[in-house]
Amino acid sequence: MSKAQREILRLERQQERDFNGRRLAACLRPFASGFVGFSSTRHDRIAGLAALKKTFLYYIRQSPRMRYRIAQLRVQVFGDAAVATFYWTVQLEPGWQVRGRGTHVWIRQRGQWRIVHEHFSRAH
């Protein structure tokens, strides 16, 4: 496994911990300022960090016991770009889970890995 793969794996796991810890500023930190993405709960494109912050707040407010988990995380590196794919589970309350798939597109800017695109979809 390459150094870049290990770093992105670490960043993805940190994102999981920060979200579960309700640390909003830390959740936003790995995202690039020009971020664009798609959520599993909205049709509209999420563009920019302000829109992403609103999305995170929406999820955090859904349930004080909500837990986000990722599994089978795979990272492919292509020079200064990388793609992380994973399966996710959100447990809103005991016995109520939503599952899906996620993709993060990362780029290395000035030595730092940043998420420039995210796509989450629910499993059907």
N, C-alpha and C. Protein backbone atom coordinates (compact mmCIF):
# COMPACT_ATOMS: atom_id res chain seq x y z
N MET A 1 0.85 -1.17 0.00
CA MET A 1 0.00 0.00 0.00
C MET A 1 0.90 1.24 0.00
N SER A 2 0.56 2.21 -0.84
CA SER A 2 1.39 3.40 -0.96
C SER A 2 1.15 4.37 0.20
N LYS A 3 2.06 5.30 0.35
CA LYS A 3 1.93 6.34 1.38
C LYS A 3 0.65 7.15 1.16
N ALA A 4 0.36 7.48 -0.09
CA ALA A 4 -0.85 8.25 -0.41
C ALA A 4 -2.11 7.47 -0.03
N GLN A 5 -2.14 6.18 -0.31
CA GLN A 5 -3.30 5.36 0.07
C GLN A 5 -3.48 5.34 1.58
N ARG A 6 -2.39 5.15 2.30
CA ARG A 6 -2.47 5.13 3.77
C ARG A 6 -2.98 6.47 4.31
N GLU A 7 -2.51 7.57 3.73
CA GLU A 7 -2.93 8.90 4.19
C GLU A 7 -4.42 9.12 3.95
N ILE A 8 -4.91 8.76 2.79
CA ILE A 8 -6.34 8.94 2.50
C ILE A 8 -7.19 8.02 3.36
N LEU A 9 -6.76 6.80 3.57
CA LEU A 9 -7.47 5.91 4.49
C LEU A 9 -7.57 6.54 5.88
N ARG A 10 -6.46 7.10 6.34
CA ARG A 10 -6.45 7.76 7.65
C ARG A 10 -7.43 8.94 7.67
N LEU A 11 -7.41 9.76 6.61
CA LEU A 11 -8.31 10.92 6.54
C LEU A 11 -9.78 10.50 6.49
N GLU A 12 -10.08 9.44 5.77
CA GLU A 12 -11.47 8.95 5.71
C GLU A 12 -11.93 8.47 7.09
N ARG A 13 -11.08 7.74 7.79
CA ARG A 13 -11.43 7.25 9.13
C ARG A 13 -11.57 8.42 10.11
N GLN A 14 -10.72 9.44 9.95
CA GLN A 14 -10.83 10.62 10.80
C GLN A 14 -12.15 11.35 10.54
N GLN A 15 -12.55 11.41 9.28
CA GLN A 15 -13.83 12.03 8.92
C GLN A 15 -14.98 11.30 9.62
N GLU A 16 -14.92 9.99 9.63
CA GLU A 16 -15.94 9.18 10.31
C GLU A 16 -16.00 9.53 11.80
N ARG A 17 -14.83 9.60 12.46
CA ARG A 17 -14.78 9.93 13.89
C ARG A 17 -15.27 11.35 14.16
N ASP A 18 -14.87 12.30 13.31
CA ASP A 18 -15.28 13.69 13.50
C ASP A 18 -16.78 13.86 13.34
N PHE A 19 -17.36 13.18 12.36
CA PHE A 19 -18.81 13.28 12.17
C PHE A 19 -19.54 12.70 13.38
N ASN A 20 -19.11 11.54 13.83
CA ASN A 20 -19.76 10.91 14.99
C ASN A 20 -19.55 11.72 16.26
N GLY A 21 -18.46 12.48 16.32
CA GLY A 21 -18.19 13.35 17.46
C GLY A 21 -18.84 14.72 17.34
N ARG A 22 -19.58 14.94 16.25
CA ARG A 22 -20.29 16.21 16.00
C ARG A 22 -19.33 17.40 15.92
N ARG A 23 -18.11 17.16 15.43
CA ARG A 23 -17.10 18.21 15.29
C ARG A 23 -17.20 18.80 13.88
N LEU A 24 -18.07 19.78 13.72
CA LEU A 24 -18.40 20.31 12.40
C LEU A 24 -17.19 20.92 11.69
N ALA A 25 -16.43 21.75 12.38
CA ALA A 25 -15.26 22.38 11.74
C ALA A 25 -14.28 21.31 11.25
N ALA A 26 -14.07 20.28 12.05
CA ALA A 26 -13.17 19.20 11.66
C ALA A 26 -13.74 18.42 10.48
N CYS A 27 -15.06 18.26 10.43
CA CYS A 27 -15.70 17.56 9.31
C CYS A 27 -15.46 18.30 7.99
N LEU A 28 -15.46 19.62 8.05
CA LEU A 28 -15.31 20.42 6.83
C LEU A 28 -13.86 20.55 6.39
N ARG A 29 -12.92 20.35 7.29
CA ARG A 29 -11.50 20.60 7.02
C ARG A 29 -10.94 19.89 5.79
N PRO A 30 -11.27 18.62 5.52
CA PRO A 30 -10.65 17.97 4.36
C PRO A 30 -11.23 18.37 3.00
N PHE A 31 -12.28 19.18 2.99
CA PHE A 31 -12.93 19.52 1.73
C PHE A 31 -12.30 20.77 1.10
N ALA A 32 -12.11 20.74 -0.21
CA ALA A 32 -11.56 21.87 -0.96
C ALA A 32 -12.61 22.97 -1.05
N SER A 33 -12.16 24.21 -1.18
CA SER A 33 -13.09 25.34 -1.23
C SER A 33 -14.03 25.25 -2.44
N GLY A 34 -13.60 24.65 -3.52
CA GLY A 34 -14.44 24.51 -4.71
C GLY A 34 -15.23 23.21 -4.75
N PHE A 35 -15.41 22.59 -3.61
CA PHE A 35 -16.11 21.31 -3.49
C PHE A 35 -17.49 21.33 -4.16
N VAL A 36 -17.82 20.20 -4.81
CA VAL A 36 -19.16 19.96 -5.38
C VAL A 36 -19.50 18.51 -5.09
N GLY A 37 -20.77 18.25 -4.75
CA GLY A 37 -21.14 16.87 -4.47
C GLY A 37 -22.62 16.61 -4.54
N PHE A 38 -22.97 15.35 -4.31
CA PHE A 38 -24.37 14.90 -4.29
C PHE A 38 -24.62 14.12 -3.01
N SER A 39 -25.75 14.41 -2.38
CA SER A 39 -26.16 13.75 -1.16
C SER A 39 -27.13 12.62 -1.48
N SER A 40 -27.27 11.70 -0.54
CA SER A 40 -28.24 10.61 -0.73
C SER A 40 -29.66 11.05 -0.39
N THR A 41 -29.82 12.24 0.20
CA THR A 41 -31.15 12.69 0.63
C THR A 41 -31.69 13.87 -0.16
N ARG A 42 -30.88 14.47 -1.01
CA ARG A 42 -31.33 15.63 -1.78
C ARG A 42 -30.99 15.42 -3.25
N HIS A 43 -31.84 15.95 -4.11
CA HIS A 43 -31.58 15.87 -5.54
C HIS A 43 -30.59 16.95 -5.97
N ASP A 44 -30.68 18.12 -5.35
CA ASP A 44 -29.86 19.26 -5.75
C ASP A 44 -28.37 19.02 -5.49
N ARG A 45 -27.57 19.61 -6.34
CA ARG A 45 -26.12 19.56 -6.20
C ARG A 45 -25.72 20.40 -4.99
N ILE A 46 -24.76 19.92 -4.23
CA ILE A 46 -24.19 20.68 -3.11
C ILE A 46 -22.92 21.34 -3.65
N ALA A 47 -22.89 22.67 -3.64
CA ALA A 47 -21.74 23.39 -4.20
C ALA A 47 -21.18 24.35 -3.16
N GLY A 48 -19.93 24.14 -2.79
CA GLY A 48 -19.26 25.02 -1.86
C GLY A 48 -19.35 24.56 -0.41
N LEU A 49 -18.48 25.13 0.40
CA LEU A 49 -18.40 24.72 1.79
C LEU A 49 -19.59 25.17 2.62
N ALA A 50 -20.19 26.32 2.29
CA ALA A 50 -21.37 26.79 3.04
C ALA A 50 -22.53 25.82 2.85
N ALA A 51 -22.74 25.36 1.63
CA ALA A 51 -23.81 24.39 1.37
C ALA A 51 -23.51 23.06 2.03
N LEU A 52 -22.24 22.66 2.04
CA LEU A 52 -21.86 21.41 2.69
C LEU A 52 -22.08 21.51 4.20
N LYS A 53 -21.76 22.66 4.78
CA LYS A 53 -21.99 22.87 6.21
C LYS A 53 -23.47 22.70 6.55
N LYS A 54 -24.35 23.29 5.74
CA LYS A 54 -25.80 23.14 5.96
C LYS A 54 -26.21 21.67 5.89
N THR A 55 -25.63 20.94 4.97
CA THR A 55 -25.95 19.51 4.83
C THR A 55 -25.51 18.74 6.07
N PHE A 56 -24.28 18.99 6.54
CA PHE A 56 -23.80 18.33 7.75
C PHE A 56 -24.68 18.66 8.95
N LEU A 57 -25.06 19.94 9.09
CA LEU A 57 -25.93 20.34 10.20
C LEU A 57 -27.26 19.62 10.14
N TYR A 58 -27.81 19.47 8.95
CA TYR A 58 -29.07 18.76 8.79
C TYR A 58 -28.95 17.34 9.34
N TYR A 59 -27.89 16.64 8.96
CA TYR A 59 -27.72 15.26 9.41
C TYR A 59 -27.48 15.19 10.92
N ILE A 60 -26.65 16.07 11.43
CA ILE A 60 -26.33 16.06 12.86
C ILE A 60 -27.59 16.30 13.70
N ARG A 61 -28.48 17.14 13.21
CA ARG A 61 -29.70 17.46 13.95
C ARG A 61 -30.77 16.37 13.86
N GLN A 62 -30.61 15.42 12.96
CA GLN A 62 -31.61 14.38 12.78
C GLN A 62 -31.79 13.52 14.02
N SER A 63 -30.70 13.21 14.67
CA SER A 63 -30.79 12.33 15.83
C SER A 63 -29.53 12.49 16.68
N PRO A 64 -29.69 12.72 17.98
CA PRO A 64 -28.50 12.85 18.82
C PRO A 64 -27.73 11.53 18.95
N ARG A 65 -28.37 10.43 18.60
CA ARG A 65 -27.71 9.12 18.70
C ARG A 65 -27.23 8.60 17.35
N MET A 66 -27.31 9.40 16.33
CA MET A 66 -26.94 8.95 14.99
C MET A 66 -25.46 8.57 14.94
N ARG A 67 -25.17 7.45 14.25
CA ARG A 67 -23.80 6.99 14.05
C ARG A 67 -23.58 6.74 12.57
N TYR A 68 -22.43 7.19 12.08
CA TYR A 68 -22.03 7.02 10.68
C TYR A 68 -20.86 6.05 10.65
N ARG A 69 -20.95 5.05 9.80
CA ARG A 69 -19.89 4.05 9.67
C ARG A 69 -19.57 3.82 8.20
N ILE A 70 -18.28 3.62 7.92
CA ILE A 70 -17.89 3.24 6.56
C ILE A 70 -17.23 1.87 6.63
N ALA A 71 -17.37 1.12 5.54
CA ALA A 71 -16.81 -0.23 5.48
C ALA A 71 -16.28 -0.49 4.08
N GLN A 72 -15.39 -1.45 3.98
CA GLN A 72 -14.81 -1.87 2.71
C GLN A 72 -14.25 -0.67 1.93
N LEU A 73 -13.53 0.17 2.64
CA LEU A 73 -12.92 1.36 2.06
C LEU A 73 -11.80 0.96 1.10
N ARG A 74 -11.86 1.49 -0.11
CA ARG A 74 -10.83 1.21 -1.12
C ARG A 74 -10.35 2.54 -1.68
N VAL A 75 -9.03 2.69 -1.81
CA VAL A 75 -8.43 3.92 -2.32
C VAL A 75 -7.58 3.59 -3.54
N GLN A 76 -7.84 4.30 -4.63
CA GLN A 76 -7.04 4.20 -5.85
C GLN A 76 -6.36 5.55 -6.06
N VAL A 77 -5.06 5.55 -6.26
CA VAL A 77 -4.30 6.78 -6.42
C VAL A 77 -3.81 6.88 -7.85
N PHE A 78 -3.95 8.08 -8.42
CA PHE A 78 -3.53 8.38 -9.79
C PHE A 78 -2.71 9.67 -9.74
N GLY A 79 -1.46 9.58 -9.31
CA GLY A 79 -0.62 10.77 -9.18
C GLY A 79 -1.13 11.66 -8.06
N ASP A 80 -1.53 12.89 -8.41
CA ASP A 80 -2.04 13.84 -7.42
C ASP A 80 -3.56 13.80 -7.31
N ALA A 81 -4.17 12.73 -7.79
CA ALA A 81 -5.62 12.52 -7.65
C ALA A 81 -5.86 11.12 -7.09
N ALA A 82 -6.97 10.98 -6.40
CA ALA A 82 -7.31 9.67 -5.83
C ALA A 82 -8.82 9.54 -5.72
N VAL A 83 -9.28 8.31 -5.74
CA VAL A 83 -10.71 8.01 -5.57
C VAL A 83 -10.84 7.03 -4.41
N ALA A 84 -11.68 7.40 -3.45
CA ALA A 84 -12.00 6.52 -2.33
C ALA A 84 -13.44 6.07 -2.48
N THR A 85 -13.66 4.76 -2.45
CA THR A 85 -15.02 4.22 -2.53
C THR A 85 -15.27 3.39 -1.28
N PHE A 86 -16.52 3.38 -0.84
CA PHE A 86 -16.85 2.69 0.40
C PHE A 86 -18.35 2.45 0.49
N TYR A 87 -18.71 1.58 1.40
CA TYR A 87 -20.11 1.38 1.77
C TYR A 87 -20.32 2.11 3.08
N TRP A 88 -21.47 2.73 3.25
CA TRP A 88 -21.74 3.47 4.48
C TRP A 88 -23.05 3.00 5.12
N THR A 89 -23.11 3.18 6.41
CA THR A 89 -24.32 2.90 7.18
C THR A 89 -24.53 4.07 8.14
N VAL A 90 -25.75 4.57 8.19
CA VAL A 90 -26.12 5.58 9.17
C VAL A 90 -27.19 4.95 10.06
N GLN A 91 -26.89 4.87 11.34
CA GLN A 91 -27.88 4.38 12.29
C GLN A 91 -28.48 5.59 12.99
N LEU A 92 -29.76 5.85 12.72
CA LEU A 92 -30.43 7.00 13.31
C LEU A 92 -30.92 6.70 14.72
N GLU A 93 -31.44 5.52 14.92
CA GLU A 93 -31.90 5.04 16.22
C GLU A 93 -31.66 3.54 16.24
N PRO A 94 -31.68 2.95 17.43
CA PRO A 94 -31.53 1.49 17.45
C PRO A 94 -32.59 0.83 16.56
N GLY A 95 -32.12 -0.01 15.65
CA GLY A 95 -33.03 -0.71 14.75
C GLY A 95 -33.38 0.03 13.47
N TRP A 96 -32.95 1.29 13.31
CA TRP A 96 -33.28 2.04 12.10
C TRP A 96 -31.99 2.47 11.41
N GLN A 97 -31.65 1.79 10.33
CA GLN A 97 -30.43 2.06 9.59
C GLN A 97 -30.73 2.40 8.15
N VAL A 98 -29.88 3.25 7.60
CA VAL A 98 -29.89 3.55 6.17
C VAL A 98 -28.51 3.16 5.65
N ARG A 99 -28.49 2.46 4.52
CA ARG A 99 -27.22 1.98 3.95
C ARG A 99 -27.05 2.53 2.53
N GLY A 100 -25.79 2.63 2.13
CA GLY A 100 -25.54 3.09 0.78
C GLY A 100 -24.08 2.96 0.39
N ARG A 101 -23.76 3.64 -0.70
CA ARG A 101 -22.41 3.64 -1.27
C ARG A 101 -21.91 5.08 -1.33
N GLY A 102 -20.60 5.25 -1.20
CA GLY A 102 -20.04 6.60 -1.25
C GLY A 102 -18.76 6.64 -2.06
N THR A 103 -18.52 7.80 -2.64
CA THR A 103 -17.29 8.05 -3.39
C THR A 103 -16.76 9.43 -3.02
N HIS A 104 -15.49 9.52 -2.75
CA HIS A 104 -14.80 10.80 -2.58
C HIS A 104 -13.70 10.88 -3.63
N VAL A 105 -13.63 12.01 -4.30
CA VAL A 105 -12.54 12.29 -5.22
C VAL A 105 -11.61 13.26 -4.50
N TRP A 106 -10.37 12.87 -4.35
CA TRP A 106 -9.36 13.65 -3.65
C TRP A 106 -8.34 14.19 -4.64
N ILE A 107 -7.81 15.38 -4.36
CA ILE A 107 -6.66 15.90 -5.10
C ILE A 107 -5.63 16.39 -4.09
N ARG A 108 -4.37 16.33 -4.50
CA ARG A 108 -3.30 16.83 -3.63
C ARG A 108 -2.98 18.25 -4.06
N GLN A 109 -3.22 19.20 -3.15
CA GLN A 109 -2.94 20.62 -3.40
C GLN A 109 -1.91 21.09 -2.38
N ARG A 110 -0.79 21.59 -2.85
CA ARG A 110 0.26 22.09 -1.97
C ARG A 110 0.59 21.09 -0.85
N GLY A 111 0.66 19.82 -1.23
CA GLY A 111 1.04 18.76 -0.30
C GLY A 111 -0.07 18.24 0.60
N GLN A 112 -1.27 18.78 0.47
CA GLN A 112 -2.40 18.37 1.31
C GLN A 112 -3.46 17.69 0.45
N TRP A 113 -4.00 16.58 0.93
CA TRP A 113 -5.10 15.92 0.23
C TRP A 113 -6.41 16.60 0.59
N ARG A 114 -7.23 16.94 -0.44
CA ARG A 114 -8.51 17.62 -0.26
C ARG A 114 -9.58 16.90 -1.08
N ILE A 115 -10.79 16.83 -0.52
CA ILE A 115 -11.93 16.25 -1.24
C ILE A 115 -12.52 17.33 -2.14
N VAL A 116 -12.58 17.05 -3.45
CA VAL A 116 -13.17 17.99 -4.40
C VAL A 116 -14.56 17.56 -4.85
N HIS A 117 -14.86 16.28 -4.67
CA HIS A 117 -16.19 15.78 -5.06
C HIS A 117 -16.58 14.62 -4.15
N GLU A 118 -17.89 14.57 -3.85
CA GLU A 118 -18.46 13.50 -3.03
C GLU A 118 -19.77 13.08 -3.67
N HIS A 119 -20.00 11.78 -3.68
CA HIS A 119 -21.29 11.27 -4.18
C HIS A 119 -21.73 10.15 -3.25
N PHE A 120 -22.89 10.36 -2.62
CA PHE A 120 -23.48 9.35 -1.75
C PHE A 120 -24.79 8.89 -2.38
N SER A 121 -25.04 7.60 -2.37
CA SER A 121 -26.32 7.08 -2.85
C SER A 121 -26.77 5.97 -1.92
N ARG A 122 -28.07 5.89 -1.74
CA ARG A 122 -28.64 4.83 -0.90
C ARG A 122 -28.67 3.52 -1.65
N ALA A 123 -28.50 2.44 -0.91
CA ALA A 123 -28.63 1.10 -1.49
C ALA A 123 -30.12 0.78 -1.60
N HIS A 124 -30.49 0.16 -2.70
CA HIS A 124 -31.91 -0.19 -2.91
C HIS A 124 -32.09 -1.68 -2.88
